[in-house]
Amino acid sequence: MIPFRSRFIFSIMTLAAILTADLAITMINKYIMTFKSTYDLHLVTLAGILVVLVLFYILIKNISKLSDWAVRTFVHAGKRWLGRSIGLYLTIIGLFVLIYAGYYWAWFDKNLFEEILIYFRSLI
């Protein structure tokens, strides 16, 4: 039987992969929409659909491999720098903060890290 911790980490990494793929698609859509005034709308739509299909095909085909690789990488990096458990969980938190910042930028064109820096500067 697979230990709970390993299943938990695998599930978290699978969620992170799905969110990352969706974020990539959101950013691709944002980029593709910049061509709507330059190219025919039908071609822009077709290009967007093809890019999304290719990205999701790669993700679905390799999600298990991607999650296993991410778990191995994060466990190794976390164990090396911060200890096995603490490093792993801080790395996962960091990954989700990066994903959150990516969505924040993609949806609202704002940089989360700049806002955090401005907030901390206001405290000083």
PDB file of N, CA and C in Angstrom:
ATOM      1  N   MET A   1       0.839  -1.187   0.000  1.00  0.00           N
ATOM      2  CA  MET A   1       0.000   0.000   0.000  1.00  0.00           C
ATOM      3  C   MET A   1       0.883   1.249   0.000  1.00  0.00           C
ATOM      4  N   ILE A   2       0.489   2.227  -0.768  1.00  0.00           N
ATOM      5  CA  ILE A   2       1.246   3.476  -0.877  1.00  0.00           C
ATOM      6  C   ILE A   2       0.963   4.316   0.371  1.00  0.00           C
ATOM      7  N   PRO A   3       2.021   4.837   1.007  1.00  0.00           N
ATOM      8  CA  PRO A   3       1.810   5.664   2.206  1.00  0.00           C
ATOM      9  C   PRO A   3       0.961   6.902   1.901  1.00  0.00           C
ATOM     10  N   PHE A   4       0.226   7.351   2.913  1.00  0.00           N
ATOM     11  CA  PHE A   4      -0.652   8.511   2.759  1.00  0.00           C
ATOM     12  C   PHE A   4       0.118   9.731   2.298  1.00  0.00           C
ATOM     13  N   ARG A   5       1.281   9.945   2.852  1.00  0.00           N
ATOM     14  CA  ARG A   5       2.081  11.124   2.508  1.00  0.00           C
ATOM     15  C   ARG A   5       2.417  11.139   1.022  1.00  0.00           C
ATOM     16  N   SER A   6       2.793   9.999   0.474  1.00  0.00           N
ATOM     17  CA  SER A   6       3.130   9.928  -0.947  1.00  0.00           C
ATOM     18  C   SER A   6       1.903  10.179  -1.811  1.00  0.00           C
ATOM     19  N   ARG A   7       0.761   9.607  -1.432  1.00  0.00           N
ATOM     20  CA  ARG A   7      -0.470   9.854  -2.184  1.00  0.00           C
ATOM     21  C   ARG A   7      -0.872  11.321  -2.102  1.00  0.00           C
ATOM     22  N   PHE A   8      -0.719  11.916  -0.930  1.00  0.00           N
ATOM     23  CA  PHE A   8      -1.046  13.321  -0.740  1.00  0.00           C
ATOM     24  C   PHE A   8      -0.179  14.204  -1.629  1.00  0.00           C
ATOM     25  N   ILE A   9       1.115  13.957  -1.613  1.00  0.00           N
ATOM     26  CA  ILE A   9       2.048  14.755  -2.416  1.00  0.00           C
ATOM     27  C   ILE A   9       1.774  14.551  -3.898  1.00  0.00           C
ATOM     28  N   PHE A  10       1.520  13.310  -4.311  1.00  0.00           N
ATOM     29  CA  PHE A  10       1.200  13.046  -5.713  1.00  0.00           C
ATOM     30  C   PHE A  10      -0.068  13.793  -6.119  1.00  0.00           C
ATOM     31  N   SER A  11      -1.077  13.797  -5.258  1.00  0.00           N
ATOM     32  CA  SER A  11      -2.319  14.513  -5.554  1.00  0.00           C
ATOM     33  C   SER A  11      -2.080  16.012  -5.664  1.00  0.00           C
ATOM     34  N   ILE A  12      -1.296  16.561  -4.753  1.00  0.00           N
ATOM     35  CA  ILE A  12      -0.976  17.989  -4.787  1.00  0.00           C
ATOM     36  C   ILE A  12      -0.232  18.338  -6.072  1.00  0.00           C
ATOM     37  N   MET A  13       0.711  17.501  -6.455  1.00  0.00           N
ATOM     38  CA  MET A  13       1.480  17.783  -7.661  1.00  0.00           C
ATOM     39  C   MET A  13       0.607  17.631  -8.915  1.00  0.00           C
ATOM     40  N   THR A  14      -0.344  16.720  -8.891  1.00  0.00           N
ATOM     41  CA  THR A  14      -1.271  16.589 -10.007  1.00  0.00           C
ATOM     42  C   THR A  14      -2.127  17.842 -10.125  1.00  0.00           C
ATOM     43  N   LEU A  15      -2.630  18.344  -8.988  1.00  0.00           N
ATOM     44  CA  LEU A  15      -3.394  19.591  -8.994  1.00  0.00           C
ATOM     45  C   LEU A  15      -2.546  20.752  -9.514  1.00  0.00           C
ATOM     46  N   ALA A  16      -1.296  20.804  -9.080  1.00  0.00           N
ATOM     47  CA  ALA A  16      -0.402  21.871  -9.535  1.00  0.00           C
ATOM     48  C   ALA A  16      -0.177  21.771 -11.046  1.00  0.00           C
ATOM     49  N   ALA A  17      -0.052  20.551 -11.567  1.00  0.00           N
ATOM     50  CA  ALA A  17       0.142  20.378 -13.011  1.00  0.00           C
ATOM     51  C   ALA A  17      -1.089  20.838 -13.780  1.00  0.00           C
ATOM     52  N   ILE A  18      -2.267  20.514 -13.271  1.00  0.00           N
ATOM     53  CA  ILE A  18      -3.505  20.934 -13.936  1.00  0.00           C
ATOM     54  C   ILE A  18      -3.627  22.459 -13.912  1.00  0.00           C
ATOM     55  N   LEU A  19      -3.365  23.056 -12.752  1.00  0.00           N
ATOM     56  CA  LEU A  19      -3.438  24.519 -12.653  1.00  0.00           C
ATOM     57  C   LEU A  19      -2.402  25.189 -13.541  1.00  0.00           C
ATOM     58  N   THR A  20      -1.225  24.618 -13.608  1.00  0.00           N
ATOM     59  CA  THR A  20      -0.174  25.175 -14.450  1.00  0.00           C
ATOM     60  C   THR A  20      -0.556  25.092 -15.925  1.00  0.00           C
ATOM     61  N   ALA A  21      -1.146  23.973 -16.327  1.00  0.00           N
ATOM     62  CA  ALA A  21      -1.592  23.843 -17.721  1.00  0.00           C
ATOM     63  C   ALA A  21      -2.686  24.859 -18.030  1.00  0.00           C
ATOM     64  N   ASP A  22      -3.629  25.022 -17.111  1.00  0.00           N
ATOM     65  CA  ASP A  22      -4.690  26.002 -17.326  1.00  0.00           C
ATOM     66  C   ASP A  22      -4.122  27.418 -17.366  1.00  0.00           C
ATOM     67  N   LEU A  23      -3.168  27.697 -16.496  1.00  0.00           N
ATOM     68  CA  LEU A  23      -2.527  29.011 -16.499  1.00  0.00           C
ATOM     69  C   LEU A  23      -1.791  29.251 -17.815  1.00  0.00           C
ATOM     70  N   ALA A  24      -1.107  28.231 -18.296  1.00  0.00           N
ATOM     71  CA  ALA A  24      -0.415  28.360 -19.579  1.00  0.00           C
ATOM     72  C   ALA A  24      -1.413  28.643 -20.698  1.00  0.00           C
ATOM     73  N   ILE A  25      -2.542  27.970 -20.662  1.00  0.00           N
ATOM     74  CA  ILE A  25      -3.568  28.200 -21.676  1.00  0.00           C
ATOM     75  C   ILE A  25      -4.133  29.605 -21.555  1.00  0.00           C
ATOM     76  N   THR A  26      -4.336  30.073 -20.335  1.00  0.00           N
ATOM     77  CA  THR A  26      -4.824  31.440 -20.130  1.00  0.00           C
ATOM     78  C   THR A  26      -3.840  32.446 -20.714  1.00  0.00           C
ATOM     79  N   MET A  27      -2.556  32.238 -20.468  1.00  0.00           N
ATOM     80  CA  MET A  27      -1.541  33.147 -21.004  1.00  0.00           C
ATOM     81  C   MET A  27      -1.442  33.044 -22.524  1.00  0.00           C
ATOM     82  N   ILE A  28      -1.589  31.831 -23.046  1.00  0.00           N
ATOM     83  CA  ILE A  28      -1.583  31.649 -24.498  1.00  0.00           C
ATOM     84  C   ILE A  28      -2.776  32.372 -25.110  1.00  0.00           C
ATOM     85  N   ASN A  29      -3.943  32.229 -24.483  1.00  0.00           N
ATOM     86  CA  ASN A  29      -5.135  32.930 -24.979  1.00  0.00           C
ATOM     87  C   ASN A  29      -4.929  34.439 -24.970  1.00  0.00           C
ATOM     88  N   LYS A  30      -4.334  34.922 -23.893  1.00  0.00           N
ATOM     89  CA  LYS A  30      -4.063  36.358 -23.789  1.00  0.00           C
ATOM     90  C   LYS A  30      -3.134  36.809 -24.914  1.00  0.00           C
ATOM     91  N   TYR A  31      -2.123  36.006 -25.200  1.00  0.00           N
ATOM     92  CA  TYR A  31      -1.170  36.330 -26.258  1.00  0.00           C
ATOM     93  C   TYR A  31      -1.840  36.240 -27.624  1.00  0.00           C
ATOM     94  N   ILE A  32      -2.603  35.182 -27.843  1.00  0.00           N
ATOM     95  CA  ILE A  32      -3.255  34.995 -29.136  1.00  0.00           C
ATOM     96  C   ILE A  32      -4.245  36.123 -29.414  1.00  0.00           C
ATOM     97  N   MET A  33      -4.899  36.617 -28.406  1.00  0.00           N
ATOM     98  CA  MET A  33      -5.867  37.696 -28.596  1.00  0.00           C
ATOM     99  C   MET A  33      -5.207  38.983 -29.076  1.00  0.00           C
ATOM    100  N   THR A  34      -3.901  39.105 -28.906  1.00  0.00           N
ATOM    101  CA  THR A  34      -3.218  40.296 -29.419  1.00  0.00           C
ATOM    102  C   THR A  34      -3.173  40.304 -30.948  1.00  0.00           C
ATOM    103  N   PHE A  35      -3.396  39.141 -31.566  1.00  0.00           N
ATOM    104  CA  PHE A  35      -3.365  39.034 -33.026  1.00  0.00           C
ATOM    105  C   PHE A  35      -4.727  39.256 -33.671  1.00  0.00           C
ATOM    106  N   LYS A  36      -5.762  39.482 -32.887  1.00  0.00           N
ATOM    107  CA  LYS A  36      -7.113  39.564 -33.458  1.00  0.00           C
ATOM    108  C   LYS A  36      -7.294  40.761 -34.391  1.00  0.00           C
ATOM    109  N   SER A  37      -6.528  41.803 -34.198  1.00  0.00           N
ATOM    110  CA  SER A  37      -6.666  42.947 -35.101  1.00  0.00           C
ATOM    111  C   SER A  37      -5.740  42.834 -36.315  1.00  0.00           C
ATOM    112  N   THR A  38      -4.791  41.908 -36.270  1.00  0.00           N
ATOM    113  CA  THR A  38      -3.822  41.757 -37.348  1.00  0.00           C
ATOM    114  C   THR A  38      -4.215  40.660 -38.335  1.00  0.00           C
ATOM    115  N   TYR A  39      -4.727  39.553 -37.815  1.00  0.00           N
ATOM    116  CA  TYR A  39      -5.029  38.397 -38.651  1.00  0.00           C
ATOM    117  C   TYR A  39      -6.532  38.126 -38.665  1.00  0.00           C
ATOM    118  N   ASP A  40      -6.937  37.279 -39.568  1.00  0.00           N
ATOM    119  CA  ASP A  40      -8.331  36.869 -39.678  1.00  0.00           C
ATOM    120  C   ASP A  40      -8.759  36.166 -38.387  1.00  0.00           C
ATOM    121  N   LEU A  41      -9.907  36.505 -37.889  1.00  0.00           N
ATOM    122  CA  LEU A  41     -10.393  35.940 -36.622  1.00  0.00           C
ATOM    123  C   LEU A  41     -10.527  34.419 -36.669  1.00  0.00           C
ATOM    124  N   HIS A  42     -10.849  33.881 -37.829  1.00  0.00           N
ATOM    125  CA  HIS A  42     -10.965  32.429 -37.962  1.00  0.00           C
ATOM    126  C   HIS A  42      -9.604  31.757 -37.786  1.00  0.00           C
ATOM    127  N   LEU A  43      -8.566  32.358 -38.342  1.00  0.00           N
ATOM    128  CA  LEU A  43      -7.217  31.798 -38.187  1.00  0.00           C
ATOM    129  C   LEU A  43      -6.727  31.912 -36.745  1.00  0.00           C
ATOM    130  N   VAL A  44      -7.011  33.030 -36.115  1.00  0.00           N
ATOM    131  CA  VAL A  44      -6.612  33.220 -34.716  1.00  0.00           C
ATOM    132  C   VAL A  44      -7.317  32.192 -33.843  1.00  0.00           C
ATOM    133  N   THR A  45      -8.603  31.977 -34.081  1.00  0.00           N
ATOM    134  CA  THR A  45      -9.360  30.988 -33.310  1.00  0.00           C
ATOM    135  C   THR A  45      -8.802  29.590 -33.532  1.00  0.00           C
ATOM    136  N   LEU A  46      -8.537  29.239 -34.766  1.00  0.00           N
ATOM    137  CA  LEU A  46      -7.987  27.925 -35.083  1.00  0.00           C
ATOM    138  C   LEU A  46      -6.622  27.721 -34.430  1.00  0.00           C
ATOM    139  N   ALA A  47      -5.775  28.727 -34.490  1.00  0.00           N
ATOM    140  CA  ALA A  47      -4.454  28.626 -33.856  1.00  0.00           C
ATOM    141  C   ALA A  47      -4.593  28.431 -32.352  1.00  0.00           C
ATOM    142  N   GLY A  48      -5.487  29.170 -31.724  1.00  0.00           N
ATOM    143  CA  GLY A  48      -5.703  29.024 -30.290  1.00  0.00           C
ATOM    144  C   GLY A  48      -6.192  27.642 -29.918  1.00  0.00           C
ATOM    145  N   ILE A  49      -7.126  27.121 -30.686  1.00  0.00           N
ATOM    146  CA  ILE A  49      -7.650  25.781 -30.426  1.00  0.00           C
ATOM    147  C   ILE A  49      -6.549  24.733 -30.555  1.00  0.00           C
ATOM    148  N   LEU A  50      -5.746  24.843 -31.596  1.00  0.00           N
ATOM    149  CA  LEU A  50      -4.664  23.874 -31.800  1.00  0.00           C
ATOM    150  C   LEU A  50      -3.647  23.910 -30.662  1.00  0.00           C
ATOM    151  N   VAL A  51      -3.286  25.092 -30.230  1.00  0.00           N
ATOM    152  CA  VAL A  51      -2.326  25.203 -29.126  1.00  0.00           C
ATOM    153  C   VAL A  51      -2.895  24.582 -27.855  1.00  0.00           C
ATOM    154  N   VAL A  52      -4.159  24.847 -27.556  1.00  0.00           N
ATOM    155  CA  VAL A  52      -4.795  24.287 -26.358  1.00  0.00           C
ATOM    156  C   VAL A  52      -4.862  22.763 -26.450  1.00  0.00           C
ATOM    157  N   LEU A  53      -5.249  22.239 -27.609  1.00  0.00           N
ATOM    158  CA  LEU A  53      -5.331  20.784 -27.768  1.00  0.00           C
ATOM    159  C   LEU A  53      -3.969  20.120 -27.578  1.00  0.00           C
ATOM    160  N   VAL A  54      -2.949  20.690 -28.179  1.00  0.00           N
ATOM    161  CA  VAL A  54      -1.604  20.113 -28.044  1.00  0.00           C
ATOM    162  C   VAL A  54      -1.159  20.140 -26.584  1.00  0.00           C
ATOM    163  N   LEU A  55      -1.374  21.260 -25.908  1.00  0.00           N
ATOM    164  CA  LEU A  55      -0.958  21.376 -24.514  1.00  0.00           C
ATOM    165  C   LEU A  55      -1.686  20.378 -23.628  1.00  0.00           C
ATOM    166  N   PHE A  56      -2.999  20.267 -23.782  1.00  0.00           N
ATOM    167  CA  PHE A  56      -3.746  19.319 -22.960  1.00  0.00           C
ATOM    168  C   PHE A  56      -3.423  17.875 -23.317  1.00  0.00           C
ATOM    169  N   TYR A  57      -3.169  17.598 -24.571  1.00  0.00           N
ATOM    170  CA  TYR A  57      -2.781  16.238 -24.959  1.00  0.00           C
ATOM    171  C   TYR A  57      -1.483  15.847 -24.269  1.00  0.00           C
ATOM    172  N   ILE A  58      -0.513  16.740 -24.292  1.00  0.00           N
ATOM    173  CA  ILE A  58       0.770  16.464 -23.629  1.00  0.00           C
ATOM    174  C   ILE A  58       0.567  16.289 -22.133  1.00  0.00           C
ATOM    175  N   LEU A  59      -0.242  17.145 -21.520  1.00  0.00           N
ATOM    176  CA  LEU A  59      -0.487  17.047 -20.087  1.00  0.00           C
ATOM    177  C   LEU A  59      -1.163  15.730 -19.728  1.00  0.00           C
ATOM    178  N   ILE A  60      -2.236  15.399 -20.414  1.00  0.00           N
ATOM    179  CA  ILE A  60      -2.981  14.184 -20.072  1.00  0.00           C
ATOM    180  C   ILE A  60      -2.137  12.946 -20.319  1.00  0.00           C
ATOM    181  N   LYS A  61      -1.382  12.939 -21.380  1.00  0.00           N
ATOM    182  CA  LYS A  61      -0.542  11.786 -21.693  1.00  0.00           C
ATOM    183  C   LYS A  61       0.572  11.594 -20.661  1.00  0.00           C
ATOM    184  N   ASN A  62       1.071  12.698 -20.098  1.00  0.00           N
ATOM    185  CA  ASN A  62       2.252  12.624 -19.240  1.00  0.00           C
ATOM    186  C   ASN A  62       2.009  13.072 -17.806  1.00  0.00           C
ATOM    187  N   ILE A  63       0.767  13.211 -17.360  1.00  0.00           N
ATOM    188  CA  ILE A  63       0.528  13.785 -16.032  1.00  0.00           C
ATOM    189  C   ILE A  63       1.137  12.928 -14.927  1.00  0.00           C
ATOM    190  N   SER A  64       1.079  11.629 -15.057  1.00  0.00           N
ATOM    191  CA  SER A  64       1.667  10.767 -14.044  1.00  0.00           C
ATOM    192  C   SER A  64       3.183  10.927 -14.006  1.00  0.00           C
ATOM    193  N   LYS A  65       3.801  10.960 -15.180  1.00  0.00           N
ATOM    194  CA  LYS A  65       5.253  11.147 -15.247  1.00  0.00           C
ATOM    195  C   LYS A  65       5.655  12.515 -14.698  1.00  0.00           C
ATOM    196  N   LEU A  66       4.883  13.552 -15.074  1.00  0.00           N
ATOM    197  CA  LEU A  66       5.185  14.901 -14.594  1.00  0.00           C
ATOM    198  C   LEU A  66       5.058  14.995 -13.078  1.00  0.00           C
ATOM    199  N   SER A  67       4.022  14.391 -12.531  1.00  0.00           N
ATOM    200  CA  SER A  67       3.830  14.433 -11.083  1.00  0.00           C
ATOM    201  C   SER A  67       4.930  13.667 -10.360  1.00  0.00           C
ATOM    202  N   ASP A  68       5.279  12.485 -10.871  1.00  0.00           N
ATOM    203  CA  ASP A  68       6.365  11.713 -10.262  1.00  0.00           C
ATOM    204  C   ASP A  68       7.673  12.486 -10.304  1.00  0.00           C
ATOM    205  N   TRP A  69       7.982  13.112 -11.444  1.00  0.00           N
ATOM    206  CA  TRP A  69       9.213  13.889 -11.574  1.00  0.00           C
ATOM    207  C   TRP A  69       9.208  15.059 -10.594  1.00  0.00           C
ATOM    208  N   ALA A  70       8.080  15.755 -10.496  1.00  0.00           N
ATOM    209  CA  ALA A  70       7.999  16.909  -9.597  1.00  0.00           C
ATOM    210  C   ALA A  70       8.160  16.486  -8.152  1.00  0.00           C
ATOM    211  N   VAL A  71       7.543  15.382  -7.765  1.00  0.00           N
ATOM    212  CA  VAL A  71       7.679  14.897  -6.384  1.00  0.00           C
ATOM    213  C   VAL A  71       9.134  14.556  -6.101  1.00  0.00           C
ATOM    214  N   ARG A  72       9.776  13.807  -7.002  1.00  0.00           N
ATOM    215  CA  ARG A  72      11.190  13.459  -6.793  1.00  0.00           C
ATOM    216  C   ARG A  72      12.063  14.704  -6.702  1.00  0.00           C
ATOM    217  N   THR A  73      11.831  15.652  -7.597  1.00  0.00           N
ATOM    218  CA  THR A  73      12.633  16.874  -7.616  1.00  0.00           C
ATOM    219  C   THR A  73      12.427  17.676  -6.344  1.00  0.00           C
ATOM    220  N   PHE A  74      11.180  17.878  -5.941  1.00  0.00           N
ATOM    221  CA  PHE A  74      10.899  18.675  -4.753  1.00  0.00           C
ATOM    222  C   PHE A  74      11.368  17.987  -3.480  1.00  0.00           C
ATOM    223  N   VAL A  75      11.202  16.676  -3.405  1.00  0.00           N
ATOM    224  CA  VAL A  75      11.679  15.959  -2.221  1.00  0.00           C
ATOM    225  C   VAL A  75      13.189  16.088  -2.111  1.00  0.00           C
ATOM    226  N   HIS A  76      13.894  15.922  -3.237  1.00  0.00           N
ATOM    227  CA  HIS A  76      15.352  16.025  -3.215  1.00  0.00           C
ATOM    228  C   HIS A  76      15.808  17.439  -2.853  1.00  0.00           C
ATOM    229  N   ALA A  77      15.207  18.439  -3.495  1.00  0.00           N
ATOM    230  CA  ALA A  77      15.598  19.827  -3.231  1.00  0.00           C
ATOM    231  C   ALA A  77      15.243  20.227  -1.807  1.00  0.00           C
ATOM    232  N   GLY A  78      14.061  19.863  -1.360  1.00  0.00           N
ATOM    233  CA  GLY A  78      13.642  20.218  -0.005  1.00  0.00           C
ATOM    234  C   GLY A  78      14.488  19.544   1.046  1.00  0.00           C
ATOM    235  N   LYS A  79      14.810  18.270   0.830  1.00  0.00           N
ATOM    236  CA  LYS A  79      15.625  17.523   1.790  1.00  0.00           C
ATOM    237  C   LYS A  79      17.025  18.114   1.870  1.00  0.00           C
ATOM    238  N   ARG A  80      17.518  18.560   0.740  1.00  0.00           N
ATOM    239  CA  ARG A  80      18.876  19.093   0.689  1.00  0.00           C
ATOM    240  C   ARG A  80      18.984  20.431   1.426  1.00  0.00           C
ATOM    241  N   TRP A  81      17.993  21.305   1.262  1.00  0.00           N
ATOM    242  CA  TRP A  81      18.121  22.663   1.786  1.00  0.00           C
ATOM    243  C   TRP A  81      17.428  22.897   3.121  1.00  0.00           C
ATOM    244  N   LEU A  82      16.330  22.244   3.373  1.00  0.00           N
ATOM    245  CA  LEU A  82      15.565  22.584   4.574  1.00  0.00           C
ATOM    246  C   LEU A  82      15.158  21.391   5.425  1.00  0.00           C
ATOM    247  N   GLY A  83      15.576  20.223   5.083  1.00  0.00           N
ATOM    248  CA  GLY A  83      15.091  19.042   5.779  1.00  0.00           C
ATOM    249  C   GLY A  83      13.954  18.444   4.985  1.00  0.00           C
ATOM    250  N   ARG A  84      13.733  17.165   5.138  1.00  0.00           N
ATOM    251  CA  ARG A  84      12.808  16.443   4.263  1.00  0.00           C
ATOM    252  C   ARG A  84      11.381  16.991   4.302  1.00  0.00           C
ATOM    253  N   SER A  85      10.767  17.055   5.451  1.00  0.00           N
ATOM    254  CA  SER A  85       9.351  17.449   5.523  1.00  0.00           C
ATOM    255  C   SER A  85       9.159  18.944   5.328  1.00  0.00           C
ATOM    256  N   ILE A  86       9.900  19.734   6.071  1.00  0.00           N
ATOM    257  CA  ILE A  86       9.722  21.182   5.999  1.00  0.00           C
ATOM    258  C   ILE A  86      10.033  21.687   4.595  1.00  0.00           C
ATOM    259  N   GLY A  87      11.112  21.216   4.026  1.00  0.00           N
ATOM    260  CA  GLY A  87      11.493  21.651   2.680  1.00  0.00           C
ATOM    261  C   GLY A  87      10.457  21.283   1.647  1.00  0.00           C
ATOM    262  N   LEU A  88       9.913  20.082   1.752  1.00  0.00           N
ATOM    263  CA  LEU A  88       8.905  19.644   0.794  1.00  0.00           C
ATOM    264  C   LEU A  88       7.666  20.515   0.881  1.00  0.00           C
ATOM    265  N   TYR A  89       7.175  20.752   2.068  1.00  0.00           N
ATOM    266  CA  TYR A  89       5.952  21.534   2.217  1.00  0.00           C
ATOM    267  C   TYR A  89       6.169  23.004   1.860  1.00  0.00           C
ATOM    268  N   LEU A  90       7.315  23.565   2.201  1.00  0.00           N
ATOM    269  CA  LEU A  90       7.603  24.941   1.798  1.00  0.00           C
ATOM    270  C   LEU A  90       7.741  25.054   0.279  1.00  0.00           C
ATOM    271  N   THR A  91       8.309  24.040  -0.342  1.00  0.00           N
ATOM    272  CA  THR A  91       8.433  24.038  -1.790  1.00  0.00           C
ATOM    273  C   THR A  91       7.058  23.968  -2.446  1.00  0.00           C
ATOM    274  N   ILE A  92       6.169  23.143  -1.915  1.00  0.00           N
ATOM    275  CA  ILE A  92       4.811  23.051  -2.448  1.00  0.00           C
ATOM    276  C   ILE A  92       4.085  24.385  -2.270  1.00  0.00           C
ATOM    277  N   ILE A  93       4.233  24.995  -1.106  1.00  0.00           N
ATOM    278  CA  ILE A  93       3.614  26.303  -0.873  1.00  0.00           C
ATOM    279  C   ILE A  93       4.173  27.327  -1.859  1.00  0.00           C
ATOM    280  N   GLY A  94       5.477  27.302  -2.053  1.00  0.00           N
ATOM    281  CA  GLY A  94       6.105  28.215  -3.013  1.00  0.00           C
ATOM    282  C   GLY A  94       5.591  28.005  -4.427  1.00  0.00           C
ATOM    283  N   LEU A  95       5.405  26.742  -4.807  1.00  0.00           N
ATOM    284  CA  LEU A  95       4.874  26.429  -6.129  1.00  0.00           C
ATOM    285  C   LEU A  95       3.472  27.003  -6.302  1.00  0.00           C
ATOM    286  N   PHE A  96       2.621  26.851  -5.302  1.00  0.00           N
ATOM    287  CA  PHE A  96       1.267  27.373  -5.403  1.00  0.00           C
ATOM    288  C   PHE A  96       1.240  28.901  -5.347  1.00  0.00           C
ATOM    289  N   VAL A  97       2.183  29.515  -4.650  1.00  0.00           N
ATOM    290  CA  VAL A  97       2.277  30.978  -4.665  1.00  0.00           C
ATOM    291  C   VAL A  97       2.644  31.452  -6.072  1.00  0.00           C
ATOM    292  N   LEU A  98       3.558  30.759  -6.732  1.00  0.00           N
ATOM    293  CA  LEU A  98       3.925  31.109  -8.106  1.00  0.00           C
ATOM    294  C   LEU A  98       2.743  30.932  -9.054  1.00  0.00           C
ATOM    295  N   ILE A  99       1.996  29.849  -8.878  1.00  0.00           N
ATOM    296  CA  ILE A  99       0.811  29.631  -9.711  1.00  0.00           C
ATOM    297  C   ILE A  99      -0.209  30.732  -9.461  1.00  0.00           C
ATOM    298  N   TYR A 100      -0.427  31.078  -8.195  1.00  0.00           N
ATOM    299  CA  TYR A 100      -1.362  32.149  -7.847  1.00  0.00           C
ATOM    300  C   TYR A 100      -0.913  33.466  -8.473  1.00  0.00           C
ATOM    301  N   ALA A 101       0.371  33.759  -8.379  1.00  0.00           N
ATOM    302  CA  ALA A 101       0.899  34.996  -8.961  1.00  0.00           C
ATOM    303  C   ALA A 101       0.722  35.004 -10.475  1.00  0.00           C
ATOM    304  N   GLY A 102       0.872  33.854 -11.093  1.00  0.00           N
ATOM    305  CA  GLY A 102       0.663  33.760 -12.534  1.00  0.00           C
ATOM    306  C   GLY A 102      -0.774  34.046 -12.931  1.00  0.00           C
ATOM    307  N   TYR A 103      -1.723  33.479 -12.197  1.00  0.00           N
ATOM    308  CA  TYR A 103      -3.134  33.765 -12.470  1.00  0.00           C
ATOM    309  C   TYR A 103      -3.446  35.241 -12.213  1.00  0.00           C
ATOM    310  N   TYR A 104      -2.894  35.765 -11.147  1.00  0.00           N
ATOM    311  CA  TYR A 104      -3.124  37.171 -10.801  1.00  0.00           C
ATOM    312  C   TYR A 104      -2.646  38.071 -11.937  1.00  0.00           C
ATOM    313  N   TRP A 105      -1.494  37.766 -12.491  1.00  0.00           N
ATOM    314  CA  TRP A 105      -0.968  38.553 -13.608  1.00  0.00           C
ATOM    315  C   TRP A 105      -1.808  38.338 -14.871  1.00  0.00           C
ATOM    316  N   ALA A 106      -2.153  37.074 -15.155  1.00  0.00           N
ATOM    317  CA  ALA A 106      -2.896  36.771 -16.379  1.00  0.00           C
ATOM    318  C   ALA A 106      -4.281  37.402 -16.372  1.00  0.00           C
ATOM    319  N   TRP A 107      -4.941  37.419 -15.237  1.00  0.00           N
ATOM    320  CA  TRP A 107      -6.308  37.925 -15.186  1.00  0.00           C
ATOM    321  C   TRP A 107      -6.382  39.435 -14.992  1.00  0.00           C
ATOM    322  N   PHE A 108      -5.474  40.001 -14.189  1.00  0.00           N
ATOM    323  CA  PHE A 108      -5.597  41.413 -13.818  1.00  0.00           C
ATOM    324  C   PHE A 108      -4.421  42.281 -14.248  1.00  0.00           C
ATOM    325  N   ASP A 109      -3.428  41.703 -14.913  1.00  0.00           N
ATOM    326  CA  ASP A 109      -2.224  42.426 -15.336  1.00  0.00           C
ATOM    327  C   ASP A 109      -1.535  43.134 -14.177  1.00  0.00           C
ATOM    328  N   LYS A 110      -1.492  42.477 -13.042  1.00  0.00           N
ATOM    329  CA  LYS A 110      -0.809  43.030 -11.870  1.00  0.00           C
ATOM    330  C   LYS A 110       0.218  42.024 -11.368  1.00  0.00           C
ATOM    331  N   ASN A 111       1.315  42.555 -10.843  1.00  0.00           N
ATOM    332  CA  ASN A 111       2.390  41.723 -10.328  1.00  0.00           C
ATOM    333  C   ASN A 111       2.234  41.578  -8.816  1.00  0.00           C
ATOM    334  N   LEU A 112       1.950  40.372  -8.370  1.00  0.00           N
ATOM    335  CA  LEU A 112       1.745  40.097  -6.947  1.00  0.00           C
ATOM    336  C   LEU A 112       2.991  40.422  -6.136  1.00  0.00           C
ATOM    337  N   PHE A 113       4.157  40.100  -6.658  1.00  0.00           N
ATOM    338  CA  PHE A 113       5.396  40.293  -5.908  1.00  0.00           C
ATOM    339  C   PHE A 113       5.728  41.774  -5.742  1.00  0.00           C
ATOM    340  N   GLU A 114       5.407  42.585  -6.742  1.00  0.00           N
ATOM    341  CA  GLU A 114       5.579  44.030  -6.597  1.00  0.00           C
ATOM    342  C   GLU A 114       4.655  44.571  -5.517  1.00  0.00           C
ATOM    343  N   GLU A 115       3.418  44.083  -5.498  1.00  0.00           N
ATOM    344  CA  GLU A 115       2.471  44.531  -4.473  1.00  0.00           C
ATOM    345  C   GLU A 115       2.930  44.134  -3.068  1.00  0.00           C
ATOM    346  N   ILE A 116       3.482  42.943  -2.936  1.00  0.00           N
ATOM    347  CA  ILE A 116       3.997  42.496  -1.635  1.00  0.00           C
ATOM    348  C   ILE A 116       5.178  43.367  -1.224  1.00  0.00           C
ATOM    349  N   LEU A 117       6.075  43.660  -2.173  1.00  0.00           N
ATOM    350  CA  LEU A 117       7.229  44.503  -1.889  1.00  0.00           C
ATOM    351  C   LEU A 117       6.792  45.908  -1.485  1.00  0.00           C
ATOM    352  N   ILE A 118       5.814  46.469  -2.175  1.00  0.00           N
ATOM    353  CA  ILE A 118       5.297  47.790  -1.823  1.00  0.00           C
ATOM    354  C   ILE A 118       4.676  47.770  -0.423  1.00  0.00           C
ATOM    355  N   TYR A 119       3.964  46.702  -0.115  1.00  0.00           N
ATOM    356  CA  TYR A 119       3.355  46.571   1.212  1.00  0.00           C
ATOM    357  C   TYR A 119       4.430  46.548   2.306  1.00  0.00           C
ATOM    358  N   PHE A 120       5.470  45.727   2.111  1.00  0.00           N
ATOM    359  CA  PHE A 120       6.524  45.647   3.123  1.00  0.00           C
ATOM    360  C   PHE A 120       7.303  46.960   3.245  1.00  0.00           C
ATOM    361  N   ARG A 121       7.484  47.661   2.138  1.00  0.00           N
ATOM    362  CA  ARG A 121       8.154  48.966   2.193  1.00  0.00           C
ATOM    363  C   ARG A 121       7.304  49.977   2.967  1.00  0.00           C
ATOM    364  N   SER A 122       5.988  49.855   2.874  1.00  0.00           N
ATOM    365  CA  SER A 122       5.114  50.780   3.597  1.00  0.00           C
ATOM    366  C   SER A 122       5.158  50.523   5.108  1.00  0.00           C
ATOM    367  N   LEU A 123       5.552  49.338   5.518  1.00  0.00           N
ATOM    368  CA  LEU A 123       5.636  49.006   6.932  1.00  0.00           C
ATOM    369  C   LEU A 123       6.889  49.605   7.586  1.00  0.00           C
ATOM    370  N   ILE A 124       7.896  49.842   6.773  1.00  0.00           N
ATOM    371  CA  ILE A 124       9.178  50.316   7.306  1.00  0.00           C
ATOM    372  C   ILE A 124       9.178  51.787   7.532  1.00  0.00           C
TER     373      ILE A 124
END
